[in-house]
All heavy atoms as atom14 arrays in JSON, in Angstrom:
{
  "sequence": "KHKMSPKLSPKKSIEGLFGGIIGAGLLGLLYGLFLKSHIPPTSLILLK",
  "atom14_mask": [
    [1, 1, 1, 1, 1, 1, 1, 1, 1, 0, 0, 0, 0, 0],
    [1, 1, 1, 1, 1, 1, 1, 1, 1, 1, 0, 0, 0, 0],
    [1, 1, 1, 1, 1, 1, 1, 1, 1, 0, 0, 0, 0, 0],
    [1, 1, 1, 1, 1, 1, 1, 1, 0, 0, 0, 0, 0, 0],
    [1, 1, 1, 1, 1, 1, 0, 0, 0, 0, 0, 0, 0, 0],
    [1, 1, 1, 1, 1, 1, 1, 0, 0, 0, 0, 0, 0, 0],
    [1, 1, 1, 1, 1, 1, 1, 1, 1, 0, 0, 0, 0, 0],
    [1, 1, 1, 1, 1, 1, 1, 1, 0, 0, 0, 0, 0, 0],
    [1, 1, 1, 1, 1, 1, 0, 0, 0, 0, 0, 0, 0, 0],
    [1, 1, 1, 1, 1, 1, 1, 0, 0, 0, 0, 0, 0, 0],
    [1, 1, 1, 1, 1, 1, 1, 1, 1, 0, 0, 0, 0, 0],
    [1, 1, 1, 1, 1, 1, 1, 1, 1, 0, 0, 0, 0, 0],
    [1, 1, 1, 1, 1, 1, 0, 0, 0, 0, 0, 0, 0, 0],
    [1, 1, 1, 1, 1, 1, 1, 1, 0, 0, 0, 0, 0, 0],
    [1, 1, 1, 1, 1, 1, 1, 1, 1, 0, 0, 0, 0, 0],
    [1, 1, 1, 1, 0, 0, 0, 0, 0, 0, 0, 0, 0, 0],
    [1, 1, 1, 1, 1, 1, 1, 1, 0, 0, 0, 0, 0, 0],
    [1, 1, 1, 1, 1, 1, 1, 1, 1, 1, 1, 0, 0, 0],
    [1, 1, 1, 1, 0, 0, 0, 0, 0, 0, 0, 0, 0, 0],
    [1, 1, 1, 1, 0, 0, 0, 0, 0, 0, 0, 0, 0, 0],
    [1, 1, 1, 1, 1, 1, 1, 1, 0, 0, 0, 0, 0, 0],
    [1, 1, 1, 1, 1, 1, 1, 1, 0, 0, 0, 0, 0, 0],
    [1, 1, 1, 1, 0, 0, 0, 0, 0, 0, 0, 0, 0, 0],
    [1, 1, 1, 1, 1, 0, 0, 0, 0, 0, 0, 0, 0, 0],
    [1, 1, 1, 1, 0, 0, 0, 0, 0, 0, 0, 0, 0, 0],
    [1, 1, 1, 1, 1, 1, 1, 1, 0, 0, 0, 0, 0, 0],
    [1, 1, 1, 1, 1, 1, 1, 1, 0, 0, 0, 0, 0, 0],
    [1, 1, 1, 1, 0, 0, 0, 0, 0, 0, 0, 0, 0, 0],
    [1, 1, 1, 1, 1, 1, 1, 1, 0, 0, 0, 0, 0, 0],
    [1, 1, 1, 1, 1, 1, 1, 1, 0, 0, 0, 0, 0, 0],
    [1, 1, 1, 1, 1, 1, 1, 1, 1, 1, 1, 1, 0, 0],
    [1, 1, 1, 1, 0, 0, 0, 0, 0, 0, 0, 0, 0, 0],
    [1, 1, 1, 1, 1, 1, 1, 1, 0, 0, 0, 0, 0, 0],
    [1, 1, 1, 1, 1, 1, 1, 1, 1, 1, 1, 0, 0, 0],
    [1, 1, 1, 1, 1, 1, 1, 1, 0, 0, 0, 0, 0, 0],
    [1, 1, 1, 1, 1, 1, 1, 1, 1, 0, 0, 0, 0, 0],
    [1, 1, 1, 1, 1, 1, 0, 0, 0, 0, 0, 0, 0, 0],
    [1, 1, 1, 1, 1, 1, 1, 1, 1, 1, 0, 0, 0, 0],
    [1, 1, 1, 1, 1, 1, 1, 1, 0, 0, 0, 0, 0, 0],
    [1, 1, 1, 1, 1, 1, 1, 0, 0, 0, 0, 0, 0, 0],
    [1, 1, 1, 1, 1, 1, 1, 0, 0, 0, 0, 0, 0, 0],
    [1, 1, 1, 1, 1, 1, 1, 0, 0, 0, 0, 0, 0, 0],
    [1, 1, 1, 1, 1, 1, 0, 0, 0, 0, 0, 0, 0, 0],
    [1, 1, 1, 1, 1, 1, 1, 1, 0, 0, 0, 0, 0, 0],
    [1, 1, 1, 1, 1, 1, 1, 1, 0, 0, 0, 0, 0, 0],
    [1, 1, 1, 1, 1, 1, 1, 1, 0, 0, 0, 0, 0, 0],
    [1, 1, 1, 1, 1, 1, 1, 1, 0, 0, 0, 0, 0, 0],
    [1, 1, 1, 1, 1, 1, 1, 1, 1, 0, 0, 0, 0, 0]
  ],
  "atom14_positions": [
    [[12.73, -6.42, 12.51], [13.45, -6.58, 13.78], [12.56, -6.36, 15.0], [12.82, -6.89, 16.07], [14.64, -5.61, 13.84], [15.74, -5.89, 12.83], [16.89, -4.91, 12.98], [18.02, -5.21, 11.98], [19.15, -4.25, 12.12], [0.0, 0.0, 0.0], [0.0, 0.0, 0.0], [0.0, 0.0, 0.0], [0.0, 0.0, 0.0], [0.0, 0.0, 0.0]],
    [[11.53, -5.54, 14.83], [10.67, -5.18, 15.96], [9.3, -5.86, 15.81], [8.6, -5.64, 14.83], [10.49, -3.65, 16.02], [11.78, -2.9, 16.15], [12.53, -2.53, 15.05], [12.47, -2.48, 17.25], [13.61, -1.89, 15.46], [13.61, -1.86, 16.79], [0.0, 0.0, 0.0], [0.0, 0.0, 0.0], [0.0, 0.0, 0.0], [0.0, 0.0, 0.0]],
    [[8.96, -6.7, 16.77], [7.72, -7.45, 16.71], [6.52, -6.51, 16.88], [6.51, -5.65, 17.76], [7.68, -8.52, 17.8], [8.82, -9.54, 17.71], [8.77, -10.31, 16.39], [9.87, -11.36, 16.33], [9.88, -12.07, 15.03], [0.0, 0.0, 0.0], [0.0, 0.0, 0.0], [0.0, 0.0, 0.0], [0.0, 0.0, 0.0], [0.0, 0.0, 0.0]],
    [[5.51, -6.71, 16.04], [4.32, -5.88, 16.11], [3.34, -6.39, 17.17], [2.79, -5.63, 17.94], [3.63, -5.84, 14.74], [2.38, -4.96, 14.68], [1.7, -4.82, 13.01], [1.23, -6.52, 12.68], [0.0, 0.0, 0.0], [0.0, 0.0, 0.0], [0.0, 0.0, 0.0], [0.0, 0.0, 0.0], [0.0, 0.0, 0.0], [0.0, 0.0, 0.0]],
    [[3.13, -7.69, 17.17], [2.21, -8.3, 18.14], [2.77, -9.66, 18.52], [2.31, -10.7, 18.02], [0.8, -8.43, 17.52], [-0.1, -8.96, 18.45], [0.0, 0.0, 0.0], [0.0, 0.0, 0.0], [0.0, 0.0, 0.0], [0.0, 0.0, 0.0], [0.0, 0.0, 0.0], [0.0, 0.0, 0.0], [0.0, 0.0, 0.0], [0.0, 0.0, 0.0]],
    [[3.77, -9.68, 19.39], [4.52, -10.92, 19.67], [3.69, -12.08, 20.18], [3.99, -13.23, 19.86], [5.55, -10.48, 20.71], [5.12, -9.14, 21.2], [4.3, -8.53, 20.14], [0.0, 0.0, 0.0], [0.0, 0.0, 0.0], [0.0, 0.0, 0.0], [0.0, 0.0, 0.0], [0.0, 0.0, 0.0], [0.0, 0.0, 0.0], [0.0, 0.0, 0.0]],
    [[2.65, -11.81, 20.94], [1.83, -12.9, 21.48], [0.82, -13.42, 20.45], [0.54, -14.61, 20.4], [1.11, -12.43, 22.74], [2.03, -12.19, 23.92], [1.24, -11.86, 25.17], [2.18, -11.66, 26.37], [1.43, -11.32, 27.61], [0.0, 0.0, 0.0], [0.0, 0.0, 0.0], [0.0, 0.0, 0.0], [0.0, 0.0, 0.0], [0.0, 0.0, 0.0]],
    [[0.26, -12.52, 19.66], [-0.77, -12.91, 18.71], [-0.19, -13.41, 17.4], [-0.61, -14.44, 16.87], [-1.71, -11.72, 18.45], [-2.85, -11.94, 17.45], [-3.72, -13.11, 17.89], [-3.68, -10.67, 17.31], [0.0, 0.0, 0.0], [0.0, 0.0, 0.0], [0.0, 0.0, 0.0], [0.0, 0.0, 0.0], [0.0, 0.0, 0.0], [0.0, 0.0, 0.0]],
    [[0.79, -12.69, 16.88], [1.39, -13.06, 15.59], [2.89, -12.76, 15.63], [3.33, -11.71, 15.15], [0.7, -12.31, 14.45], [1.12, -12.77, 13.2], [0.0, 0.0, 0.0], [0.0, 0.0, 0.0], [0.0, 0.0, 0.0], [0.0, 0.0, 0.0], [0.0, 0.0, 0.0], [0.0, 0.0, 0.0], [0.0, 0.0, 0.0], [0.0, 0.0, 0.0]],
    [[3.67, -13.66, 16.2], [5.09, -13.39, 16.45], [5.92, -13.14, 15.19], [7.0, -12.56, 15.27], [5.58, -14.66, 17.16], [4.46, -15.62, 17.16], [3.24, -14.96, 16.69], [0.0, 0.0, 0.0], [0.0, 0.0, 0.0], [0.0, 0.0, 0.0], [0.0, 0.0, 0.0], [0.0, 0.0, 0.0], [0.0, 0.0, 0.0], [0.0, 0.0, 0.0]],
    [[5.44, -13.57, 14.03], [6.22, -13.4, 12.8], [6.02, -12.02, 12.16], [6.78, -11.64, 11.27], [5.86, -14.49, 11.79], [6.28, -15.89, 12.23], [5.97, -16.92, 11.16], [6.4, -18.3, 11.59], [6.11, -19.33, 10.55], [0.0, 0.0, 0.0], [0.0, 0.0, 0.0], [0.0, 0.0, 0.0], [0.0, 0.0, 0.0], [0.0, 0.0, 0.0]],
    [[5.0, -11.29, 12.58], [4.73, -9.98, 12.0], [5.58, -8.91, 12.69], [5.7, -8.91, 13.92], [3.25, -9.62, 12.1], [2.35, -10.52, 11.26], [0.9, -10.03, 11.3], [-0.02, -10.98, 10.54], [0.29, -11.04, 9.11], [0.0, 0.0, 0.0], [0.0, 0.0, 0.0], [0.0, 0.0, 0.0], [0.0, 0.0, 0.0], [0.0, 0.0, 0.0]],
    [[6.14, -8.01, 11.89], [7.01, -6.96, 12.44], [6.47, -5.57, 12.1], [5.65, -5.41, 11.18], [8.42, -7.1, 11.86], [8.42, -6.85, 10.47], [0.0, 0.0, 0.0], [0.0, 0.0, 0.0], [0.0, 0.0, 0.0], [0.0, 0.0, 0.0], [0.0, 0.0, 0.0], [0.0, 0.0, 0.0], [0.0, 0.0, 0.0], [0.0, 0.0, 0.0]],
    [[6.94, -4.59, 12.86], [6.56, -3.2, 12.59], [7.1, -2.77, 11.23], [6.42, -2.05, 10.48], [7.1, -2.29, 13.71], [6.41, -2.62, 15.03], [6.88, -0.82, 13.36], [6.94, -1.86, 16.22], [0.0, 0.0, 0.0], [0.0, 0.0, 0.0], [0.0, 0.0, 0.0], [0.0, 0.0, 0.0], [0.0, 0.0, 0.0], [0.0, 0.0, 0.0]],
    [[8.3, -3.23, 10.9], [8.86, -2.91, 9.58], [7.99, -3.48, 8.47], [7.75, -2.84, 7.44], [10.28, -3.47, 9.46], [11.31, -2.8, 10.36], [11.32, -3.33, 11.79], [10.52, -4.24, 12.1], [12.13, -2.84, 12.59], [0.0, 0.0, 0.0], [0.0, 0.0, 0.0], [0.0, 0.0, 0.0], [0.0, 0.0, 0.0], [0.0, 0.0, 0.0]],
    [[7.5, -4.71, 8.69], [6.61, -5.33, 7.72], [5.29, -4.58, 7.6], [4.74, -4.45, 6.5], [0.0, 0.0, 0.0], [0.0, 0.0, 0.0], [0.0, 0.0, 0.0], [0.0, 0.0, 0.0], [0.0, 0.0, 0.0], [0.0, 0.0, 0.0], [0.0, 0.0, 0.0], [0.0, 0.0, 0.0], [0.0, 0.0, 0.0], [0.0, 0.0, 0.0]],
    [[4.79, -4.08, 8.73], [3.56, -3.3, 8.73], [3.68, -2.09, 7.81], [2.83, -1.88, 6.92], [3.23, -2.85, 10.15], [2.1, -1.82, 10.29], [0.76, -2.43, 9.89], [2.03, -1.28, 11.72], [0.0, 0.0, 0.0], [0.0, 0.0, 0.0], [0.0, 0.0, 0.0], [0.0, 0.0, 0.0], [0.0, 0.0, 0.0], [0.0, 0.0, 0.0]],
    [[4.73, -1.3, 8.0], [4.9, -0.1, 7.17], [5.25, -0.47, 5.73], [4.83, 0.22, 4.79], [5.98, 0.8, 7.78], [5.52, 1.54, 9.0], [5.91, 1.13, 10.26], [4.68, 2.63, 8.88], [5.48, 1.81, 11.4], [4.24, 3.32, 10.01], [4.64, 2.91, 11.27], [0.0, 0.0, 0.0], [0.0, 0.0, 0.0], [0.0, 0.0, 0.0]],
    [[6.0, -1.56, 5.56], [6.31, -2.01, 4.2], [5.07, -2.39, 3.44], [4.93, -2.08, 2.25], [0.0, 0.0, 0.0], [0.0, 0.0, 0.0], [0.0, 0.0, 0.0], [0.0, 0.0, 0.0], [0.0, 0.0, 0.0], [0.0, 0.0, 0.0], [0.0, 0.0, 0.0], [0.0, 0.0, 0.0], [0.0, 0.0, 0.0], [0.0, 0.0, 0.0]],
    [[4.14, -3.07, 4.13], [2.89, -3.47, 3.5], [2.01, -2.3, 3.15], [1.4, -2.25, 2.07], [0.0, 0.0, 0.0], [0.0, 0.0, 0.0], [0.0, 0.0, 0.0], [0.0, 0.0, 0.0], [0.0, 0.0, 0.0], [0.0, 0.0, 0.0], [0.0, 0.0, 0.0], [0.0, 0.0, 0.0], [0.0, 0.0, 0.0], [0.0, 0.0, 0.0]],
    [[1.95, -1.32, 4.05], [1.11, -0.14, 3.81], [1.66, 0.69, 2.64], [0.92, 1.06, 1.72], [1.03, 0.73, 5.08], [0.23, -0.01, 6.16], [0.4, 2.09, 4.78], [0.24, 0.67, 7.51], [0.0, 0.0, 0.0], [0.0, 0.0, 0.0], [0.0, 0.0, 0.0], [0.0, 0.0, 0.0], [0.0, 0.0, 0.0], [0.0, 0.0, 0.0]],
    [[2.97, 0.96, 2.67], [3.57, 1.74, 1.58], [3.54, 0.94, 0.28], [3.25, 1.49, -0.79], [5.03, 2.11, 1.94], [5.04, 3.05, 3.15], [5.72, 2.77, 0.75], [6.41, 3.32, 3.72], [0.0, 0.0, 0.0], [0.0, 0.0, 0.0], [0.0, 0.0, 0.0], [0.0, 0.0, 0.0], [0.0, 0.0, 0.0], [0.0, 0.0, 0.0]],
    [[3.78, -0.37, 0.38], [3.73, -1.22, -0.81], [2.36, -1.24, -1.45], [2.24, -1.18, -2.68], [0.0, 0.0, 0.0], [0.0, 0.0, 0.0], [0.0, 0.0, 0.0], [0.0, 0.0, 0.0], [0.0, 0.0, 0.0], [0.0, 0.0, 0.0], [0.0, 0.0, 0.0], [0.0, 0.0, 0.0], [0.0, 0.0, 0.0], [0.0, 0.0, 0.0]],
    [[1.32, -1.32, -0.62], [-0.05, -1.3, -1.14], [-0.33, 0.03, -1.84], [-0.98, 0.09, -2.88], [-1.05, -1.53, -0.02], [0.0, 0.0, 0.0], [0.0, 0.0, 0.0], [0.0, 0.0, 0.0], [0.0, 0.0, 0.0], [0.0, 0.0, 0.0], [0.0, 0.0, 0.0], [0.0, 0.0, 0.0], [0.0, 0.0, 0.0], [0.0, 0.0, 0.0]],
    [[0.17, 1.12, -1.24], [0.01, 2.43, -1.86], [0.69, 2.5, -3.22], [0.14, 3.04, -4.19], [0.0, 0.0, 0.0], [0.0, 0.0, 0.0], [0.0, 0.0, 0.0], [0.0, 0.0, 0.0], [0.0, 0.0, 0.0], [0.0, 0.0, 0.0], [0.0, 0.0, 0.0], [0.0, 0.0, 0.0], [0.0, 0.0, 0.0], [0.0, 0.0, 0.0]],
    [[1.89, 1.94, -3.32], [2.62, 1.93, -4.59], [1.91, 1.06, -5.63], [1.88, 1.4, -6.82], [4.05, 1.43, -4.38], [4.95, 2.38, -3.56], [6.3, 1.71, -3.3], [5.14, 3.71, -4.29], [0.0, 0.0, 0.0], [0.0, 0.0, 0.0], [0.0, 0.0, 0.0], [0.0, 0.0, 0.0], [0.0, 0.0, 0.0], [0.0, 0.0, 0.0]],
    [[1.33, -0.05, -5.19], [0.56, -0.88, -6.1], [-0.65, -0.11, -6.63], [-0.99, -0.2, -7.82], [0.08, -2.16, -5.4], [1.13, -3.23, -5.13], [0.51, -4.38, -4.33], [1.71, -3.76, -6.43], [0.0, 0.0, 0.0], [0.0, 0.0, 0.0], [0.0, 0.0, 0.0], [0.0, 0.0, 0.0], [0.0, 0.0, 0.0], [0.0, 0.0, 0.0]],
    [[-1.29, 0.66, -5.74], [-2.41, 1.5, -6.17], [-1.98, 2.54, -7.18], [-2.68, 2.81, -8.16], [0.0, 0.0, 0.0], [0.0, 0.0, 0.0], [0.0, 0.0, 0.0], [0.0, 0.0, 0.0], [0.0, 0.0, 0.0], [0.0, 0.0, 0.0], [0.0, 0.0, 0.0], [0.0, 0.0, 0.0], [0.0, 0.0, 0.0], [0.0, 0.0, 0.0]],
    [[-0.81, 3.13, -6.94], [-0.27, 4.13, -7.87], [0.01, 3.51, -9.23], [-0.34, 4.08, -10.28], [1.0, 4.73, -7.28], [1.6, 5.96, -7.97], [2.34, 6.83, -6.96], [2.57, 5.53, -9.08], [0.0, 0.0, 0.0], [0.0, 0.0, 0.0], [0.0, 0.0, 0.0], [0.0, 0.0, 0.0], [0.0, 0.0, 0.0], [0.0, 0.0, 0.0]],
    [[0.64, 2.34, -9.25], [0.94, 1.66, -10.51], [-0.35, 1.26, -11.24], [-0.45, 1.39, -12.47], [1.79, 0.42, -10.26], [3.23, 0.68, -9.78], [3.92, -0.63, -9.4], [4.03, 1.4, -10.88], [0.0, 0.0, 0.0], [0.0, 0.0, 0.0], [0.0, 0.0, 0.0], [0.0, 0.0, 0.0], [0.0, 0.0, 0.0], [0.0, 0.0, 0.0]],
    [[-1.31, 0.78, -10.47], [-2.61, 0.42, -11.06], [-3.28, 1.66, -11.65], [-3.99, 1.58, -12.66], [-3.5, -0.23, -10.01], [-4.83, -0.72, -10.55], [-4.89, -1.69, -11.55], [-6.03, -0.22, -10.05], [-6.09, -2.15, -12.03], [-7.25, -0.68, -10.52], [-7.27, -1.64, -11.52], [-8.47, -2.1, -12.01], [0.0, 0.0, 0.0], [0.0, 0.0, 0.0]],
    [[-3.04, 2.81, -11.03], [-3.62, 4.06, -11.51], [-3.14, 4.43, -12.9], [-3.87, 5.08, -13.67], [0.0, 0.0, 0.0], [0.0, 0.0, 0.0], [0.0, 0.0, 0.0], [0.0, 0.0, 0.0], [0.0, 0.0, 0.0], [0.0, 0.0, 0.0], [0.0, 0.0, 0.0], [0.0, 0.0, 0.0], [0.0, 0.0, 0.0], [0.0, 0.0, 0.0]],
    [[-1.91, 4.03, -13.25], [-1.4, 4.3, -14.6], [-2.26, 3.61, -15.65], [-2.47, 4.14, -16.75], [0.05, 3.8, -14.71], [1.08, 4.52, -13.82], [2.43, 3.82, -13.9], [1.19, 5.99, -14.21], [0.0, 0.0, 0.0], [0.0, 0.0, 0.0], [0.0, 0.0, 0.0], [0.0, 0.0, 0.0], [0.0, 0.0, 0.0], [0.0, 0.0, 0.0]],
    [[-2.77, 2.42, -15.31], [-3.69, 1.72, -16.19], [-5.11, 2.26, -16.05], [-5.82, 2.45, -17.03], [-3.67, 0.22, -15.85], [-4.87, -0.55, -16.35], [-4.96, -0.94, -17.67], [-5.9, -0.87, -15.48], [-6.06, -1.64, -18.13], [-7.02, -1.57, -15.92], [-7.09, -1.97, -17.25], [0.0, 0.0, 0.0], [0.0, 0.0, 0.0], [0.0, 0.0, 0.0]],
    [[-5.49, 2.56, -14.8], [-6.87, 2.91, -14.51], [-7.3, 4.26, -15.09], [-8.45, 4.43, -15.5], [-7.07, 2.94, -12.99], [-8.51, 2.95, -12.46], [-9.23, 1.69, -12.89], [-8.5, 3.07, -10.94], [0.0, 0.0, 0.0], [0.0, 0.0, 0.0], [0.0, 0.0, 0.0], [0.0, 0.0, 0.0], [0.0, 0.0, 0.0], [0.0, 0.0, 0.0]],
    [[-6.39, 5.22, -15.16], [-6.78, 6.57, -15.55], [-7.3, 6.67, -16.98], [-7.97, 7.65, -17.32], [-5.62, 7.54, -15.34], [-4.4, 7.31, -16.21], [-3.34, 8.36, -15.88], [-2.12, 8.2, -16.77], [-1.09, 9.25, -16.45], [0.0, 0.0, 0.0], [0.0, 0.0, 0.0], [0.0, 0.0, 0.0], [0.0, 0.0, 0.0], [0.0, 0.0, 0.0]],
    [[-7.02, 5.66, -17.8], [-7.56, 5.67, -19.16], [-8.86, 4.88, -19.26], [-9.43, 4.75, -20.35], [-6.53, 5.08, -20.13], [-6.22, 3.73, -19.8], [0.0, 0.0, 0.0], [0.0, 0.0, 0.0], [0.0, 0.0, 0.0], [0.0, 0.0, 0.0], [0.0, 0.0, 0.0], [0.0, 0.0, 0.0], [0.0, 0.0, 0.0], [0.0, 0.0, 0.0]],
    [[-9.36, 4.37, -18.13], [-10.58, 3.55, -18.14], [-11.68, 4.1, -17.24], [-12.76, 3.5, -17.16], [-10.26, 2.12, -17.72], [-9.4, 1.37, -18.7], [-8.03, 1.47, -18.7], [-9.73, 0.54, -19.72], [-7.54, 0.71, -19.67], [-8.54, 0.15, -20.3], [0.0, 0.0, 0.0], [0.0, 0.0, 0.0], [0.0, 0.0, 0.0], [0.0, 0.0, 0.0]],
    [[-11.42, 5.19, -16.55], [-12.45, 5.81, -15.71], [-12.56, 7.28, -16.09], [-11.66, 7.82, -16.74], [-12.12, 5.66, -14.2], [-10.84, 6.42, -13.85], [-11.99, 4.19, -13.81], [-10.55, 6.44, -12.35], [0.0, 0.0, 0.0], [0.0, 0.0, 0.0], [0.0, 0.0, 0.0], [0.0, 0.0, 0.0], [0.0, 0.0, 0.0], [0.0, 0.0, 0.0]],
    [[-13.66, 7.94, -15.7], [-13.8, 9.37, -16.0], [-12.61, 10.16, -15.48], [-12.06, 9.83, -14.42], [-15.09, 9.74, -15.28], [-15.87, 8.47, -15.22], [-14.85, 7.39, -15.04], [0.0, 0.0, 0.0], [0.0, 0.0, 0.0], [0.0, 0.0, 0.0], [0.0, 0.0, 0.0], [0.0, 0.0, 0.0], [0.0, 0.0, 0.0], [0.0, 0.0, 0.0]],
    [[-12.19, 11.2, -16.21], [-11.02, 12.0, -15.79], [-11.16, 12.51, -14.36], [-12.19, 13.04, -13.96], [-11.03, 13.16, -16.79], [-11.75, 12.63, -17.98], [-12.79, 11.7, -17.45], [0.0, 0.0, 0.0], [0.0, 0.0, 0.0], [0.0, 0.0, 0.0], [0.0, 0.0, 0.0], [0.0, 0.0, 0.0], [0.0, 0.0, 0.0], [0.0, 0.0, 0.0]],
    [[-10.12, 12.31, -13.58], [-10.09, 12.74, -12.18], [-8.74, 13.38, -11.9], [-7.7, 12.81, -12.24], [-10.28, 11.54, -11.23], [-11.5, 10.87, -11.55], [-10.34, 12.0, -9.79], [0.0, 0.0, 0.0], [0.0, 0.0, 0.0], [0.0, 0.0, 0.0], [0.0, 0.0, 0.0], [0.0, 0.0, 0.0], [0.0, 0.0, 0.0], [0.0, 0.0, 0.0]],
    [[-8.75, 14.55, -11.3], [-7.5, 15.24, -11.0], [-6.71, 14.49, -9.92], [-7.3, 13.9, -9.0], [-7.77, 16.68, -10.53], [-8.54, 16.68, -9.35], [0.0, 0.0, 0.0], [0.0, 0.0, 0.0], [0.0, 0.0, 0.0], [0.0, 0.0, 0.0], [0.0, 0.0, 0.0], [0.0, 0.0, 0.0], [0.0, 0.0, 0.0], [0.0, 0.0, 0.0]],
    [[-5.41, 14.49, -10.06], [-4.51, 13.85, -9.09], [-4.85, 12.39, -8.84], [-4.73, 11.88, -7.72], [-4.53, 14.63, -7.76], [-4.13, 16.11, -7.83], [-4.33, 16.77, -6.47], [-2.68, 16.26, -8.29], [0.0, 0.0, 0.0], [0.0, 0.0, 0.0], [0.0, 0.0, 0.0], [0.0, 0.0, 0.0], [0.0, 0.0, 0.0], [0.0, 0.0, 0.0]],
    [[-5.26, 11.68, -9.89], [-5.72, 10.3, -9.74], [-4.65, 9.4, -9.13], [-4.94, 8.56, -8.27], [-6.21, 9.73, -11.09], [-6.69, 8.29, -10.95], [-5.12, 9.83, -12.14], [-7.91, 8.11, -10.1], [0.0, 0.0, 0.0], [0.0, 0.0, 0.0], [0.0, 0.0, 0.0], [0.0, 0.0, 0.0], [0.0, 0.0, 0.0], [0.0, 0.0, 0.0]],
    [[-3.39, 9.56, -9.54], [-2.33, 8.7, -9.02], [-2.1, 8.93, -7.54], [-1.94, 7.97, -6.77], [-1.04, 8.93, -9.81], [-1.08, 8.6, -11.31], [0.28, 8.81, -11.95], [-1.55, 7.17, -11.53], [0.0, 0.0, 0.0], [0.0, 0.0, 0.0], [0.0, 0.0, 0.0], [0.0, 0.0, 0.0], [0.0, 0.0, 0.0], [0.0, 0.0, 0.0]],
    [[-2.07, 10.18, -7.12], [-1.91, 10.49, -5.7], [-3.08, 9.96, -4.89], [-2.89, 9.4, -3.8], [-1.77, 12.01, -5.51], [-1.68, 12.5, -4.05], [-0.46, 11.9, -3.37], [-1.65, 14.03, -4.01], [0.0, 0.0, 0.0], [0.0, 0.0, 0.0], [0.0, 0.0, 0.0], [0.0, 0.0, 0.0], [0.0, 0.0, 0.0], [0.0, 0.0, 0.0]],
    [[-4.29, 10.13, -5.41], [-5.48, 9.68, -4.7], [-5.47, 8.16, -4.53], [-5.82, 7.64, -3.46], [-6.73, 10.13, -5.44], [-7.0, 11.62, -5.34], [-8.25, 12.02, -6.11], [-8.53, 13.51, -5.97], [-9.71, 13.93, -6.75], [0.0, 0.0, 0.0], [0.0, 0.0, 0.0], [0.0, 0.0, 0.0], [0.0, 0.0, 0.0], [0.0, 0.0, 0.0]]
  ]
}
């Protein structure tokens, strides 16, 4: 509903910005479920 940069990219929204950031983080977390068995043990790997 709220335009992020109306003159430069009118279709992009602030809601989309945060959705993309949180979504990318969740993708990283899901990828971590696969990754943790393929890299050296690291504490809090999913959070990181």
